[in-house]
Amino acid sequence: MRMAARLNKRHDKFGPETDKRAFVTADDIRALVQLPLSLAIAWLAPDASLQRLAQLSAKRARPGTRASERQVILDLLLGKRVAPATLAEATRKKAVHKSLLQLHLLRCLRPDGWQPRCELVGRAALDAALGRGHGAILWLAPFVYFPLHTKVAVARAGLSVSHLSRFWHGRYTSVVGNRLLNALTRRAEDRFLAERIAIGPRLTTIAATRLLARKLHENKIVSITANRAGSEVRVPFLGGELVLANGAAKLALANGAPLLPVFGVQTAEGSFQTIIEAPLEVDPDDGNPVYALHRAFARRIEPYAVQYPDQLLVSYDSSVIVVRRDNTRA
């Protein structure tokens, strides 16, 4: 849009926060124009209608090249373990899950304190980890519902979590998108956190790491999203690779803290579950314990990827689960 182009010519005057990002994009402007209607739908629709509304929203959206590309990626990644018809259905359902997540995020902004119903599975594993006295790190696996529903489930169980994040956390990448649209996402999520420790202009990675270490020394819970923001470690994952920053593994090893995989999914019955698994374990004599933890995490994710391919976050090169464009099935 021409308006976005004109504004972007001036975005360099807004200081270091911009980080050479666009000041505003056409996507931001569309979202801001649609926001009043989106909020009205999310706030006023009956709970029982949200799934149907997400389906209608996904149906109205044009499939485009992303949907066909996703199906190819899933075939390369899971084709040896999942039937082609299931993968085709998974591609269609992904758009539904994304729409439902956005409805839930907006609905969480209602003044009455609405929240989705999320069951926590594996509380015993977390309690046992805390029993060691070194805190616990929840490592959030890359599935659609991890940004909100994992936080809701843990908070509903009466647990306080300090979450590591980024100043730019959210879908939108421009200055305006971050300040206005991503801020709504963070506000919805923050209802279910004790605090958000956000790396950015006012907090360096080193300072954030020290804060997390302090929480662990106080035997508290911290959570970290499985992402690529940092020095990357690549490990085999089904027909592709799992590419993650090494921060969570290094934090766990440096502080003797248990590192627990966490999965947020919508079940076949339509309910939401957050599953906390037992801590990842590595041989103390392993010469590369960081790599070993990443490999163990990949193995834990694999059965969930096969069971919930429609909710898995994948791409050729930008997600944490990637496949090579020249990859071919043997």
Protein backbone atom coordinates (compact mmCIF):
# COMPACT_ATOMS: atom_id res chain seq x y z
CA MET A 1 0.00 0.00 0.00
CA ARG A 2 1.24 3.53 -0.80
CA MET A 3 0.57 4.76 2.73
CA ALA A 4 2.88 2.10 4.18
CA ALA A 5 5.59 2.94 1.63
CA ARG A 6 5.48 6.66 2.52
CA LEU A 7 5.66 6.00 6.24
CA ASN A 8 8.56 3.59 5.85
CA LYS A 9 10.70 6.36 4.34
CA ARG A 10 10.62 8.09 7.72
CA HIS A 11 10.96 5.14 10.10
CA ASP A 12 14.72 5.68 10.61
CA LYS A 13 13.89 8.68 12.82
CA PHE A 14 12.38 6.47 15.51
CA GLY A 15 15.63 5.39 17.15
CA PRO A 16 17.31 2.03 17.80
CA GLU A 17 14.02 0.29 18.57
CA THR A 18 13.34 0.01 14.84
CA ASP A 19 16.36 -2.29 14.34
CA LYS A 20 16.24 -1.53 10.60
CA ARG A 21 12.69 -2.87 10.43
CA ALA A 22 9.88 -1.35 8.41
CA PHE A 23 7.95 1.31 10.30
CA VAL A 24 4.62 -0.06 9.06
CA THR A 25 3.47 -2.65 6.50
CA ALA A 26 0.34 -3.16 4.44
CA ASP A 27 -0.39 -6.19 6.61
CA ASP A 28 -0.35 -3.95 9.71
CA ILE A 29 -2.77 -1.48 8.17
CA ARG A 30 -5.20 -4.22 7.13
CA ALA A 31 -5.07 -5.74 10.61
CA LEU A 32 -5.66 -2.38 12.31
CA VAL A 33 -8.62 -1.62 10.05
CA GLN A 34 -10.11 -5.04 10.77
CA LEU A 35 -9.32 -4.96 14.51
CA PRO A 36 -12.64 -3.47 15.76
CA LEU A 37 -14.64 -6.14 13.92
CA SER A 38 -12.22 -8.91 14.99
CA LEU A 39 -12.53 -7.84 18.64
CA ALA A 40 -16.32 -7.67 18.42
CA ILE A 41 -16.51 -11.21 17.01
CA ALA A 42 -14.02 -12.61 19.51
CA TRP A 43 -15.68 -10.93 22.50
CA LEU A 44 -19.35 -11.42 21.66
CA ALA A 45 -19.54 -14.84 20.00
CA PRO A 46 -20.68 -17.73 22.24
CA ASP A 47 -17.92 -20.08 23.36
CA ALA A 48 -19.49 -22.98 21.48
CA SER A 49 -19.26 -21.07 18.18
CA LEU A 50 -15.55 -20.24 18.23
CA GLN A 51 -14.42 -23.46 16.55
CA ARG A 52 -16.99 -22.97 13.80
CA LEU A 53 -15.97 -19.33 13.33
CA ALA A 54 -12.34 -20.42 12.97
CA GLN A 55 -13.37 -22.95 10.33
CA LEU A 56 -15.30 -20.29 8.41
CA SER A 57 -12.38 -17.87 8.61
CA ALA A 58 -9.97 -20.51 7.31
CA LYS A 59 -12.37 -21.44 4.52
CA ARG A 60 -12.66 -17.84 3.36
CA ALA A 61 -8.90 -17.37 3.23
CA ARG A 62 -7.26 -18.14 -0.08
CA PRO A 63 -5.08 -21.26 0.16
CA GLY A 64 -2.34 -19.70 -2.00
CA THR A 65 1.15 -21.11 -2.36
CA ARG A 66 1.76 -21.43 1.38
CA ALA A 67 -0.82 -24.19 1.79
CA SER A 68 0.53 -26.24 -1.12
CA GLU A 69 4.08 -25.62 0.07
CA ARG A 70 3.17 -26.77 3.59
CA GLN A 71 1.75 -30.02 2.22
CA VAL A 72 4.99 -30.69 0.35
CA ILE A 73 7.00 -29.95 3.50
CA LEU A 74 4.85 -32.28 5.62
CA ASP A 75 5.21 -35.01 3.02
CA LEU A 76 9.00 -34.68 3.08
CA LEU A 77 9.03 -34.60 6.87
CA LEU A 78 6.37 -37.19 7.74
CA GLY A 79 5.54 -38.97 4.51
CA LYS A 80 7.04 -42.27 5.65
CA ARG A 81 4.94 -42.30 8.82
CA VAL A 82 1.68 -40.51 7.96
CA ALA A 83 -0.79 -41.32 5.17
CA PRO A 84 -1.02 -38.78 2.29
CA ALA A 85 -4.71 -38.18 2.98
CA THR A 86 -3.91 -37.31 6.60
CA LEU A 87 -1.24 -34.86 5.50
CA ALA A 88 -3.63 -33.18 3.06
CA GLU A 89 -6.18 -32.81 5.86
CA ALA A 90 -3.47 -31.50 8.18
CA THR A 91 -2.68 -28.72 5.72
CA ARG A 92 -6.31 -27.61 5.68
CA LYS A 93 -6.66 -27.79 9.46
CA LYS A 94 -3.55 -25.67 10.10
CA ALA A 95 -5.41 -22.54 8.98
CA VAL A 96 -8.28 -23.41 11.33
CA HIS A 97 -5.91 -23.73 14.28
CA LYS A 98 -4.26 -20.39 13.52
CA SER A 99 -7.64 -18.68 13.31
CA LEU A 100 -8.81 -20.24 16.55
CA LEU A 101 -5.63 -19.16 18.33
CA GLN A 102 -6.20 -15.56 17.22
CA LEU A 103 -9.81 -15.68 18.41
CA HIS A 104 -8.68 -16.95 21.81
CA LEU A 105 -5.96 -14.30 22.10
CA LEU A 106 -8.44 -11.51 21.40
CA ARG A 107 -11.08 -13.07 23.65
CA CYS A 108 -8.58 -13.14 26.53
CA LEU A 109 -8.64 -9.33 26.40
CA ARG A 110 -12.28 -9.25 27.52
CA PRO A 111 -12.86 -7.29 30.75
CA ASP A 112 -14.54 -10.30 32.38
CA GLY A 113 -11.26 -12.26 32.40
CA TRP A 114 -12.31 -15.01 29.97
CA GLN A 115 -9.79 -17.79 29.41
CA PRO A 116 -9.82 -21.00 27.38
CA ARG A 117 -10.24 -24.30 29.18
CA CYS A 118 -6.89 -26.04 29.15
CA GLU A 119 -6.01 -29.25 30.94
CA LEU A 120 -2.54 -29.68 32.43
CA VAL A 121 -1.11 -33.18 32.07
CA GLY A 122 2.14 -34.13 33.78
CA ARG A 123 2.02 -31.97 36.90
CA ALA A 124 3.76 -34.78 38.78
CA ALA A 125 6.79 -34.54 36.47
CA LEU A 126 7.10 -30.83 37.21
CA ASP A 127 6.68 -31.29 40.95
CA ALA A 128 9.35 -33.99 40.96
CA ALA A 129 11.70 -31.71 39.02
CA LEU A 130 11.17 -28.88 41.51
CA GLY A 131 11.85 -31.37 44.27
CA ARG A 132 15.50 -31.39 43.18
CA GLY A 133 15.79 -27.81 44.41
CA HIS A 134 17.26 -26.24 41.27
CA GLY A 135 14.11 -24.84 39.71
CA ALA A 136 12.67 -26.09 36.42
CA ILE A 137 12.82 -25.00 32.79
CA LEU A 138 9.77 -25.59 30.62
CA TRP A 139 10.86 -25.91 26.96
CA LEU A 140 7.82 -25.11 24.79
CA ALA A 141 7.72 -27.27 21.67
CA PRO A 142 6.83 -25.73 18.26
CA PHE A 143 3.08 -26.33 17.92
CA VAL A 144 0.38 -23.80 17.06
CA TYR A 145 -1.08 -23.35 20.54
CA PHE A 146 2.16 -22.93 22.51
CA PRO A 147 2.01 -19.09 22.76
CA LEU A 148 -1.21 -18.98 24.81
CA HIS A 149 -2.62 -22.33 25.88
CA THR A 150 0.52 -23.65 27.57
CA LYS A 151 0.61 -20.52 29.73
CA VAL A 152 -3.09 -20.79 30.55
CA ALA A 153 -2.86 -24.42 31.62
CA VAL A 154 0.11 -23.82 33.91
CA ALA A 155 -1.49 -20.72 35.46
CA ARG A 156 -4.80 -22.52 36.02
CA ALA A 157 -2.84 -25.12 37.99
CA GLY A 158 -1.72 -22.37 40.36
CA LEU A 159 1.88 -22.24 39.15
CA SER A 160 3.91 -19.05 38.67
CA VAL A 161 6.19 -18.88 35.64
CA SER A 162 8.78 -16.37 34.46
CA HIS A 163 8.85 -16.50 30.66
CA LEU A 164 11.81 -15.58 28.47
CA SER A 165 10.71 -13.56 25.47
CA ARG A 166 11.81 -10.96 22.94
CA PHE A 167 10.91 -7.30 22.64
CA TRP A 168 9.53 -8.12 19.18
CA HIS A 169 7.45 -11.12 20.29
CA GLY A 170 4.39 -11.53 18.07
CA ARG A 171 3.31 -12.06 14.51
CA TYR A 172 3.97 -8.54 13.19
CA THR A 173 7.51 -7.43 12.34
CA SER A 174 7.24 -3.65 11.87
CA VAL A 175 7.52 -0.91 14.50
CA VAL A 176 3.81 -0.10 14.33
CA GLY A 177 2.86 -3.77 14.24
CA ASN A 178 4.93 -4.47 17.35
CA ARG A 179 3.74 -1.46 19.34
CA LEU A 180 0.05 -1.88 18.56
CA LEU A 181 -0.75 -5.40 17.37
CA ASN A 182 1.92 -7.51 19.03
CA ALA A 183 1.25 -5.58 22.22
CA LEU A 184 -2.28 -7.03 22.28
CA THR A 185 -0.87 -10.54 21.97
CA ARG A 186 1.57 -9.94 24.81
CA ARG A 187 -1.16 -8.43 26.97
CA ALA A 188 -3.33 -11.52 26.50
CA GLU A 189 -0.46 -13.89 27.29
CA ASP A 190 0.85 -11.87 30.23
CA ARG A 191 -2.35 -12.48 32.19
CA PHE A 192 -1.06 -16.01 32.78
CA LEU A 193 2.58 -15.22 33.61
CA ALA A 194 4.29 -14.12 36.79
CA GLU A 195 6.53 -12.01 34.58
CA ARG A 196 7.88 -11.69 31.05
CA ILE A 197 11.66 -11.29 30.79
CA ALA A 198 12.00 -9.63 27.38
CA ILE A 199 15.36 -9.37 25.63
CA GLY A 200 15.49 -6.09 23.74
CA PRO A 201 16.68 -2.49 23.83
CA ARG A 202 16.54 -2.33 27.64
CA LEU A 203 17.66 -5.86 28.52
CA THR A 204 20.61 -7.70 27.02
CA THR A 205 20.77 -11.45 26.54
CA ILE A 206 23.39 -11.71 29.28
CA ALA A 207 21.26 -9.75 31.75
CA ALA A 208 18.21 -11.87 30.91
CA THR A 209 20.22 -15.06 31.43
CA ARG A 210 21.29 -13.83 34.86
CA LEU A 211 17.70 -13.12 35.81
CA LEU A 212 16.66 -16.61 34.74
CA ALA A 213 19.53 -18.16 36.69
CA ARG A 214 18.41 -16.27 39.79
CA LYS A 215 14.90 -17.65 39.40
CA LEU A 216 16.28 -21.17 39.12
CA HIS A 217 18.45 -20.71 42.21
CA GLU A 218 15.23 -19.71 44.03
CA ASN A 219 13.72 -23.03 42.85
CA LYS A 220 11.20 -21.28 40.61
CA ILE A 221 9.81 -22.13 37.16
CA VAL A 222 10.97 -20.47 33.97
CA SER A 223 9.73 -21.15 30.45
CA ILE A 224 11.53 -20.77 27.14
CA THR A 225 10.06 -21.11 23.66
CA ALA A 226 11.88 -23.48 21.31
CA ASN A 227 13.13 -20.97 18.72
CA ARG A 228 16.20 -19.98 16.70
CA ALA A 229 17.04 -16.71 18.47
CA GLY A 230 20.69 -17.34 19.30
CA SER A 231 23.52 -19.72 18.45
CA GLU A 232 21.88 -22.61 16.62
CA VAL A 233 22.18 -26.34 17.08
CA ARG A 234 20.97 -28.64 14.29
CA VAL A 235 19.89 -32.21 14.97
CA PRO A 236 18.10 -34.82 12.82
CA PHE A 237 14.31 -34.77 13.04
CA LEU A 238 12.26 -37.29 11.03
CA GLY A 239 12.74 -36.25 7.37
CA GLY A 240 14.28 -32.91 8.24
CA GLU A 241 16.09 -31.11 11.02
CA LEU A 242 15.30 -29.46 14.34
CA VAL A 243 17.15 -26.13 14.48
CA LEU A 244 17.14 -24.43 17.88
CA ALA A 245 19.04 -21.81 19.81
CA ASN A 246 21.26 -23.40 22.42
CA GLY A 247 20.22 -21.06 25.25
CA ALA A 248 17.76 -23.34 27.05
CA ALA A 249 20.14 -26.30 27.10
CA LYS A 250 23.08 -24.18 28.26
CA LEU A 251 20.97 -22.55 30.98
CA ALA A 252 19.89 -25.97 32.25
CA LEU A 253 23.41 -27.36 32.28
CA ALA A 254 24.96 -24.28 33.90
CA ASN A 255 22.45 -24.27 36.75
CA GLY A 256 21.75 -27.97 37.22
CA ALA A 257 18.11 -27.32 36.35
CA PRO A 258 15.80 -29.98 34.88
CA LEU A 259 14.73 -29.23 31.29
CA LEU A 260 11.18 -30.43 30.66
CA PRO A 261 9.58 -30.63 27.18
CA VAL A 262 6.10 -29.06 27.01
CA PHE A 263 3.48 -29.65 24.32
CA GLY A 264 0.33 -27.59 23.81
CA VAL A 265 -2.20 -29.26 21.50
CA GLN A 266 -5.88 -29.50 20.64
CA THR A 267 -7.00 -33.11 20.86
CA ALA A 268 -9.18 -34.92 18.34
CA GLU A 269 -12.13 -34.33 20.69
CA GLY A 270 -11.56 -30.56 20.55
CA SER A 271 -10.20 -30.06 24.08
CA PHE A 272 -6.89 -28.35 24.83
CA GLN A 273 -4.08 -30.09 26.64
CA THR A 274 -0.69 -28.98 27.83
CA ILE A 275 1.56 -31.98 28.44
CA ILE A 276 4.65 -31.62 30.61
CA GLU A 277 7.00 -34.55 30.11
CA ALA A 278 9.77 -35.86 32.34
CA PRO A 279 13.08 -33.95 32.17
CA LEU A 280 15.47 -34.61 29.32
CA GLU A 281 18.40 -36.72 30.48
CA VAL A 282 21.90 -36.98 29.04
CA ASP A 283 24.93 -39.05 29.91
CA PRO A 284 27.12 -36.97 32.25
CA ASP A 285 30.16 -38.25 30.35
CA ASP A 286 28.77 -37.08 26.98
CA GLY A 287 31.33 -34.89 25.26
CA ASN A 288 28.68 -32.54 23.85
CA PRO A 289 25.80 -32.35 26.35
CA VAL A 290 24.13 -29.38 24.60
CA TYR A 291 23.82 -31.38 21.38
CA ALA A 292 22.65 -34.41 23.36
CA LEU A 293 19.84 -32.41 25.00
CA HIS A 294 18.72 -31.09 21.61
CA ARG A 295 18.75 -34.60 20.17
CA ALA A 296 16.73 -35.89 23.12
CA PHE A 297 14.23 -33.03 22.65
CA ALA A 298 13.86 -33.91 18.96
CA ARG A 299 13.05 -37.52 19.87
CA ARG A 300 10.37 -36.33 22.32
CA ILE A 301 8.77 -34.09 19.68
CA GLU A 302 8.62 -36.76 16.96
CA PRO A 303 5.60 -38.76 18.23
CA TYR A 304 3.62 -35.54 18.73
CA ALA A 305 4.51 -34.45 15.19
CA VAL A 306 3.13 -37.73 13.86
CA GLN A 307 -0.02 -37.47 15.98
CA TYR A 308 -0.65 -33.74 15.42
CA PRO A 309 0.81 -32.83 12.00
CA ASP A 310 -1.90 -30.18 11.58
CA GLN A 311 -0.51 -28.22 14.55
CA LEU A 312 3.22 -28.58 13.88
CA LEU A 313 5.16 -25.43 12.93
CA VAL A 314 7.35 -26.26 9.93
CA SER A 315 8.97 -24.56 6.94
CA TYR A 316 11.76 -24.94 4.41
CA ASP A 317 14.15 -22.67 6.25
CA SER A 318 12.53 -20.18 8.68
CA SER A 319 10.88 -22.33 11.36
CA VAL A 320 12.61 -24.48 13.98
CA ILE A 321 11.59 -27.64 12.10
CA VAL A 322 12.96 -27.45 8.58
CA VAL A 323 13.38 -29.57 5.49
CA ARG A 324 15.74 -28.95 2.59
CA ARG A 325 14.20 -27.84 -0.68
CA ASP A 326 16.26 -30.42 -2.54
CA ASN A 327 15.26 -33.18 -0.11
CA THR A 328 13.72 -36.25 -1.69
CA ARG A 329 12.08 -39.23 -0.11
CA ALA A 330 14.11 -42.41 -0.33
